[in-house]
């Protein structure tokens, strides 16, 4: 949100803040969520780049299409282990995973 819009809303009595503030997340909780969302986006990005369907990725993982959809949506029930396993199963290297983690840190710092 731009500064002028934020100031205008605050003058009208609105409280302006981020999702982490609204949900009263600790910095660690917010960082964890950003990390999971970055890796979830990476799964979708890499899967699509390789021309795989969610079903094809599910077969590689021994899972279901709906589970892959949950991974890509950043569902809370999806573990970091599963996200990283999925990335490795579709050809990501450690350096690629590090890049996506760095992207999450950059997003949080912004």
Protein backbone atom coordinates (compact mmCIF):
# COMPACT_ATOMS: atom_id res chain seq x y z
CA UNK A 1 0.00 0.00 0.00
CA UNK A 2 1.35 3.42 -0.82
CA UNK A 3 2.12 5.90 1.95
CA UNK A 4 -0.53 8.43 0.95
CA UNK A 5 -3.29 5.84 1.00
CA UNK A 6 -2.12 4.55 4.37
CA UNK A 7 -2.10 8.08 5.85
CA UNK A 8 -5.57 8.79 4.45
CA UNK A 9 -6.96 5.59 6.00
CA UNK A 10 -5.32 6.35 9.34
CA UNK A 11 -6.82 9.87 9.34
CA UNK A 12 -10.21 8.25 8.86
CA UNK A 13 -9.64 6.11 11.95
CA UNK A 14 -8.51 2.87 10.33
CA UNK A 15 -5.65 0.86 11.75
CA UNK A 16 -3.21 -0.20 9.05
CA UNK A 17 -0.88 -3.13 9.47
CA UNK A 18 0.26 -6.41 8.03
CA UNK A 19 -1.10 -9.91 8.33
CA UNK A 20 1.50 -10.87 10.93
CA UNK A 21 0.46 -7.98 13.13
CA UNK A 22 -3.25 -8.73 12.67
CA UNK A 23 -2.72 -12.40 13.52
CA UNK A 24 -0.35 -11.47 16.37
CA UNK A 25 2.42 -13.69 15.03
CA UNK A 26 5.85 -13.69 16.56
CA UNK A 27 8.68 -12.82 14.17
CA UNK A 28 9.63 -16.50 14.16
CA UNK A 29 6.10 -17.61 13.25
CA UNK A 30 5.92 -15.04 10.46
CA UNK A 31 9.31 -16.17 9.11
CA UNK A 32 8.22 -19.81 9.19
CA UNK A 33 5.04 -19.04 7.25
CA UNK A 34 6.95 -17.00 4.66
CA UNK A 35 9.41 -19.88 4.23
CA UNK A 36 6.63 -22.41 3.71
CA UNK A 37 4.85 -20.14 1.23
CA UNK A 38 8.07 -19.57 -0.73
CA UNK A 39 8.74 -23.31 -0.96
CA UNK A 40 5.10 -24.00 -1.88
CA UNK A 41 5.36 -21.48 -4.71
CA UNK A 42 8.63 -23.12 -5.77
CA UNK A 43 6.96 -26.53 -6.03
CA UNK A 44 4.32 -25.10 -8.37
CA UNK A 45 6.85 -23.06 -10.35
CA UNK A 46 9.20 -25.99 -10.91
CA UNK A 47 6.37 -28.46 -11.58
CA UNK A 48 4.90 -26.18 -14.26
CA UNK A 49 8.34 -25.41 -15.72
CA UNK A 50 8.88 -29.15 -16.19
CA UNK A 51 5.44 -29.59 -17.75
CA UNK A 52 4.21 -31.90 -15.00
CA UNK A 53 0.62 -32.08 -13.84
CA UNK A 54 -0.22 -32.26 -10.17
CA UNK A 55 -1.20 -35.88 -10.75
CA UNK A 56 2.16 -36.71 -12.33
CA UNK A 57 4.00 -35.16 -9.40
CA UNK A 58 1.76 -37.07 -6.99
CA UNK A 59 2.71 -40.34 -8.69
CA UNK A 60 6.41 -39.50 -8.29
CA UNK A 61 5.85 -38.81 -4.61
CA UNK A 62 3.57 -41.78 -3.98
CA UNK A 63 0.89 -39.33 -2.93
CA UNK A 64 -2.35 -37.89 -4.29
CA UNK A 65 -3.18 -34.98 -6.57
CA UNK A 66 -5.12 -33.32 -3.77
CA UNK A 67 -2.04 -33.46 -1.54
CA UNK A 68 0.02 -31.76 -4.25
CA UNK A 69 -2.69 -29.09 -4.55
CA UNK A 70 -2.48 -28.54 -0.78
CA UNK A 71 1.30 -28.24 -1.03
CA UNK A 72 1.06 -25.62 -3.75
CA UNK A 73 -1.60 -23.70 -1.80
CA UNK A 74 0.60 -23.57 1.29
CA UNK A 75 -1.84 -25.50 3.45
CA UNK A 76 -0.82 -25.61 7.13
CA UNK A 77 -1.02 -29.41 7.15
CA UNK A 78 1.91 -29.66 4.71
CA UNK A 79 5.31 -30.10 6.35
CA UNK A 80 8.58 -28.52 5.28
CA UNK A 81 9.88 -32.07 4.84
CA UNK A 82 7.24 -32.81 2.22
CA UNK A 83 7.86 -29.52 0.40
CA UNK A 84 11.60 -30.16 0.20
CA UNK A 85 11.11 -33.82 -0.75
CA UNK A 86 8.79 -32.67 -3.55
CA UNK A 87 11.29 -30.13 -4.82
CA UNK A 88 14.03 -32.75 -4.88
CA UNK A 89 11.71 -35.21 -6.66
CA UNK A 90 11.19 -32.76 -9.51
CA UNK A 91 14.85 -31.99 -9.93
CA UNK A 92 15.61 -29.09 -7.64
CA UNK A 93 19.17 -28.85 -6.38
CA UNK A 94 20.23 -27.65 -2.96
CA UNK A 95 21.28 -24.35 -4.53
CA UNK A 96 17.78 -23.93 -6.00
CA UNK A 97 16.17 -24.56 -2.62
CA UNK A 98 18.56 -22.08 -1.02
CA UNK A 99 17.52 -19.50 -3.64
CA UNK A 100 13.84 -19.94 -2.76
CA UNK A 101 14.62 -19.69 0.95
CA UNK A 102 16.55 -16.48 0.27
CA UNK A 103 13.54 -15.18 -1.66
CA UNK A 104 11.41 -15.73 1.47
CA UNK A 105 13.93 -13.78 3.58
CA UNK A 106 13.92 -10.94 1.05
CA UNK A 107 10.11 -10.83 1.05
CA UNK A 108 10.03 -10.67 4.84
CA UNK A 109 12.61 -7.87 4.95
CA UNK A 110 10.64 -5.75 2.48
